[in-house]
Amino acid sequence: MNIIDSTGNTALSLTPEGSRVARILHEHSASSDKQGGKHRVAAEPRPHSNISRTPSRSIKPTISESAEERKKKLEKKKVEERRNRTLKGII
């Protein structure tokens, strides 16, 4: 059995067993259309539900904020080192 496309060319050539399966599938789809059977349409992907529940505190700071924090820590470290040097000089 040959399946012919809309241009009249042979689109697919089937063995006798394959043509029997194709005929059954065609009849089944035609009968479901007559019965008002609805074709399934792929559902749109839903966003993950946990996105909306993400607490705001878990959002990482921006680069500029983390740079400022690093500067503050470095400044504290320098002040602490100076204090330790002066204490050592006194003792």
C-alpha atoms as a PDB file:
ATOM      1  CA  MET A   1       0.000   0.000   0.000  1.00  0.00           C
ATOM      2  CA  ASN A   2       1.316   3.455  -0.885  1.00  0.00           C
ATOM      3  CA  ILE A   3       0.359   6.595   0.989  1.00  0.00           C
ATOM      4  CA  ILE A   4       0.193   9.564  -1.336  1.00  0.00           C
ATOM      5  CA  ASP A   5       0.748  13.145  -0.153  1.00  0.00           C
ATOM      6  CA  SER A   6      -1.113  16.247  -1.311  1.00  0.00           C
ATOM      7  CA  THR A   7       1.228  16.766  -4.305  1.00  0.00           C
ATOM      8  CA  GLY A   8       0.459  13.304  -5.684  1.00  0.00           C
ATOM      9  CA  ASN A   9       3.859  11.798  -4.868  1.00  0.00           C
ATOM     10  CA  THR A  10       4.269   8.584  -2.920  1.00  0.00           C
ATOM     11  CA  ALA A  11       4.989   9.707   0.637  1.00  0.00           C
ATOM     12  CA  LEU A  12       5.218   6.283   2.263  1.00  0.00           C
ATOM     13  CA  SER A  13       5.197   2.718   1.048  1.00  0.00           C
ATOM     14  CA  LEU A  14       3.909   0.107   3.489  1.00  0.00           C
ATOM     15  CA  THR A  15       4.082  -3.668   3.704  1.00  0.00           C
ATOM     16  CA  PRO A  16       0.753  -5.542   3.812  1.00  0.00           C
ATOM     17  CA  GLU A  17       0.978  -5.714   7.639  1.00  0.00           C
ATOM     18  CA  GLY A  18       1.821  -2.017   7.891  1.00  0.00           C
ATOM     19  CA  SER A  19      -1.017  -1.087   5.559  1.00  0.00           C
ATOM     20  CA  ARG A  20      -3.458  -3.065   7.741  1.00  0.00           C
ATOM     21  CA  VAL A  21      -2.279  -1.139  10.821  1.00  0.00           C
ATOM     22  CA  ALA A  22      -2.519   2.167   8.939  1.00  0.00           C
ATOM     23  CA  ARG A  23      -6.068   1.367   7.801  1.00  0.00           C
ATOM     24  CA  ILE A  24      -7.136   0.477  11.370  1.00  0.00           C
ATOM     25  CA  LEU A  25      -5.587   3.692  12.725  1.00  0.00           C
ATOM     26  CA  HIS A  26      -7.245   5.749  10.008  1.00  0.00           C
ATOM     27  CA  GLU A  27     -10.648   4.171  10.655  1.00  0.00           C
ATOM     28  CA  HIS A  28     -10.248   4.666  14.396  1.00  0.00           C
ATOM     29  CA  SER A  29      -9.347   8.341  14.053  1.00  0.00           C
ATOM     30  CA  ALA A  30     -12.231   8.892  11.600  1.00  0.00           C
ATOM     31  CA  SER A  31     -14.731   7.204  13.936  1.00  0.00           C
ATOM     32  CA  SER A  32     -13.535   9.237  16.943  1.00  0.00           C
ATOM     33  CA  ASP A  33     -13.968  12.431  14.903  1.00  0.00           C
ATOM     34  CA  LYS A  34     -17.547  11.427  14.066  1.00  0.00           C
ATOM     35  CA  GLN A  35     -18.269  10.837  17.747  1.00  0.00           C
ATOM     36  CA  GLY A  36     -17.087  14.316  18.591  1.00  0.00           C
ATOM     37  CA  GLY A  37     -13.829  13.085  20.117  1.00  0.00           C
ATOM     38  CA  LYS A  38     -11.564  15.976  21.024  1.00  0.00           C
ATOM     39  CA  HIS A  39      -7.953  15.925  19.980  1.00  0.00           C
ATOM     40  CA  ARG A  40      -5.546  16.460  22.817  1.00  0.00           C
ATOM     41  CA  VAL A  41      -3.608  19.682  22.746  1.00  0.00           C
ATOM     42  CA  ALA A  42      -0.345  19.942  24.636  1.00  0.00           C
ATOM     43  CA  ALA A  43      -0.828  21.991  27.785  1.00  0.00           C
ATOM     44  CA  GLU A  44       1.320  25.057  28.305  1.00  0.00           C
ATOM     45  CA  PRO A  45       4.134  24.425  30.795  1.00  0.00           C
ATOM     46  CA  ARG A  46       3.302  25.756  34.220  1.00  0.00           C
ATOM     47  CA  PRO A  47       5.888  27.649  36.239  1.00  0.00           C
ATOM     48  CA  HIS A  48       7.245  25.805  39.249  1.00  0.00           C
ATOM     49  CA  SER A  49       5.051  26.430  42.242  1.00  0.00           C
ATOM     50  CA  ASN A  50       8.011  27.024  44.576  1.00  0.00           C
ATOM     51  CA  ILE A  51       9.049  30.185  42.709  1.00  0.00           C
ATOM     52  CA  SER A  52       6.365  32.298  44.341  1.00  0.00           C
ATOM     53  CA  ARG A  53       7.141  30.869  47.784  1.00  0.00           C
ATOM     54  CA  THR A  54      10.817  31.793  47.722  1.00  0.00           C
ATOM     55  CA  PRO A  55      11.511  34.052  50.717  1.00  0.00           C
ATOM     56  CA  SER A  56      13.115  37.370  49.867  1.00  0.00           C
ATOM     57  CA  ARG A  57      15.972  36.818  52.338  1.00  0.00           C
ATOM     58  CA  SER A  58      17.295  33.927  50.247  1.00  0.00           C
ATOM     59  CA  ILE A  59      18.001  36.251  47.324  1.00  0.00           C
ATOM     60  CA  LYS A  60      21.738  36.844  47.104  1.00  0.00           C
ATOM     61  CA  PRO A  61      23.046  40.401  47.431  1.00  0.00           C
ATOM     62  CA  THR A  62      24.104  42.224  44.299  1.00  0.00           C
ATOM     63  CA  ILE A  63      27.781  42.534  43.433  1.00  0.00           C
ATOM     64  CA  SER A  64      28.005  46.134  44.643  1.00  0.00           C
ATOM     65  CA  GLU A  65      26.591  45.230  48.072  1.00  0.00           C
ATOM     66  CA  SER A  66      29.026  42.365  48.533  1.00  0.00           C
ATOM     67  CA  ALA A  67      31.906  44.656  47.487  1.00  0.00           C
ATOM     68  CA  GLU A  68      30.859  47.170  50.134  1.00  0.00           C
ATOM     69  CA  GLU A  69      30.712  44.410  52.739  1.00  0.00           C
ATOM     70  CA  ARG A  70      34.228  43.295  51.785  1.00  0.00           C
ATOM     71  CA  LYS A  71      35.503  46.862  52.183  1.00  0.00           C
ATOM     72  CA  LYS A  72      33.926  47.108  55.657  1.00  0.00           C
ATOM     73  CA  LYS A  73      35.475  43.799  56.741  1.00  0.00           C
ATOM     74  CA  LEU A  74      38.886  44.875  55.440  1.00  0.00           C
ATOM     75  CA  GLU A  75      38.607  48.190  57.296  1.00  0.00           C
ATOM     76  CA  LYS A  76      37.670  46.389  60.535  1.00  0.00           C
ATOM     77  CA  LYS A  77      40.634  44.064  60.076  1.00  0.00           C
ATOM     78  CA  LYS A  78      43.023  47.009  59.620  1.00  0.00           C
ATOM     79  CA  VAL A  79      41.657  48.756  62.707  1.00  0.00           C
ATOM     80  CA  GLU A  80      42.008  45.551  64.734  1.00  0.00           C
ATOM     81  CA  GLU A  81      45.613  45.043  63.548  1.00  0.00           C
ATOM     82  CA  ARG A  82      46.477  48.651  64.480  1.00  0.00           C
ATOM     83  CA  ARG A  83      44.928  48.168  67.922  1.00  0.00           C
ATOM     84  CA  ASN A  84      46.882  44.932  68.440  1.00  0.00           C
ATOM     85  CA  ARG A  85      50.147  46.638  67.390  1.00  0.00           C
ATOM     86  CA  THR A  86      49.596  49.507  69.816  1.00  0.00           C
ATOM     87  CA  LEU A  87      48.730  47.086  72.635  1.00  0.00           C
ATOM     88  CA  LYS A  88      51.909  45.115  71.950  1.00  0.00           C
ATOM     89  CA  GLY A  89      53.914  48.369  72.012  1.00  0.00           C
ATOM     90  CA  ILE A  90      52.398  49.320  75.396  1.00  0.00           C
ATOM     91  CA  ILE A  91      53.049  45.921  77.015  1.00  0.00           C
END
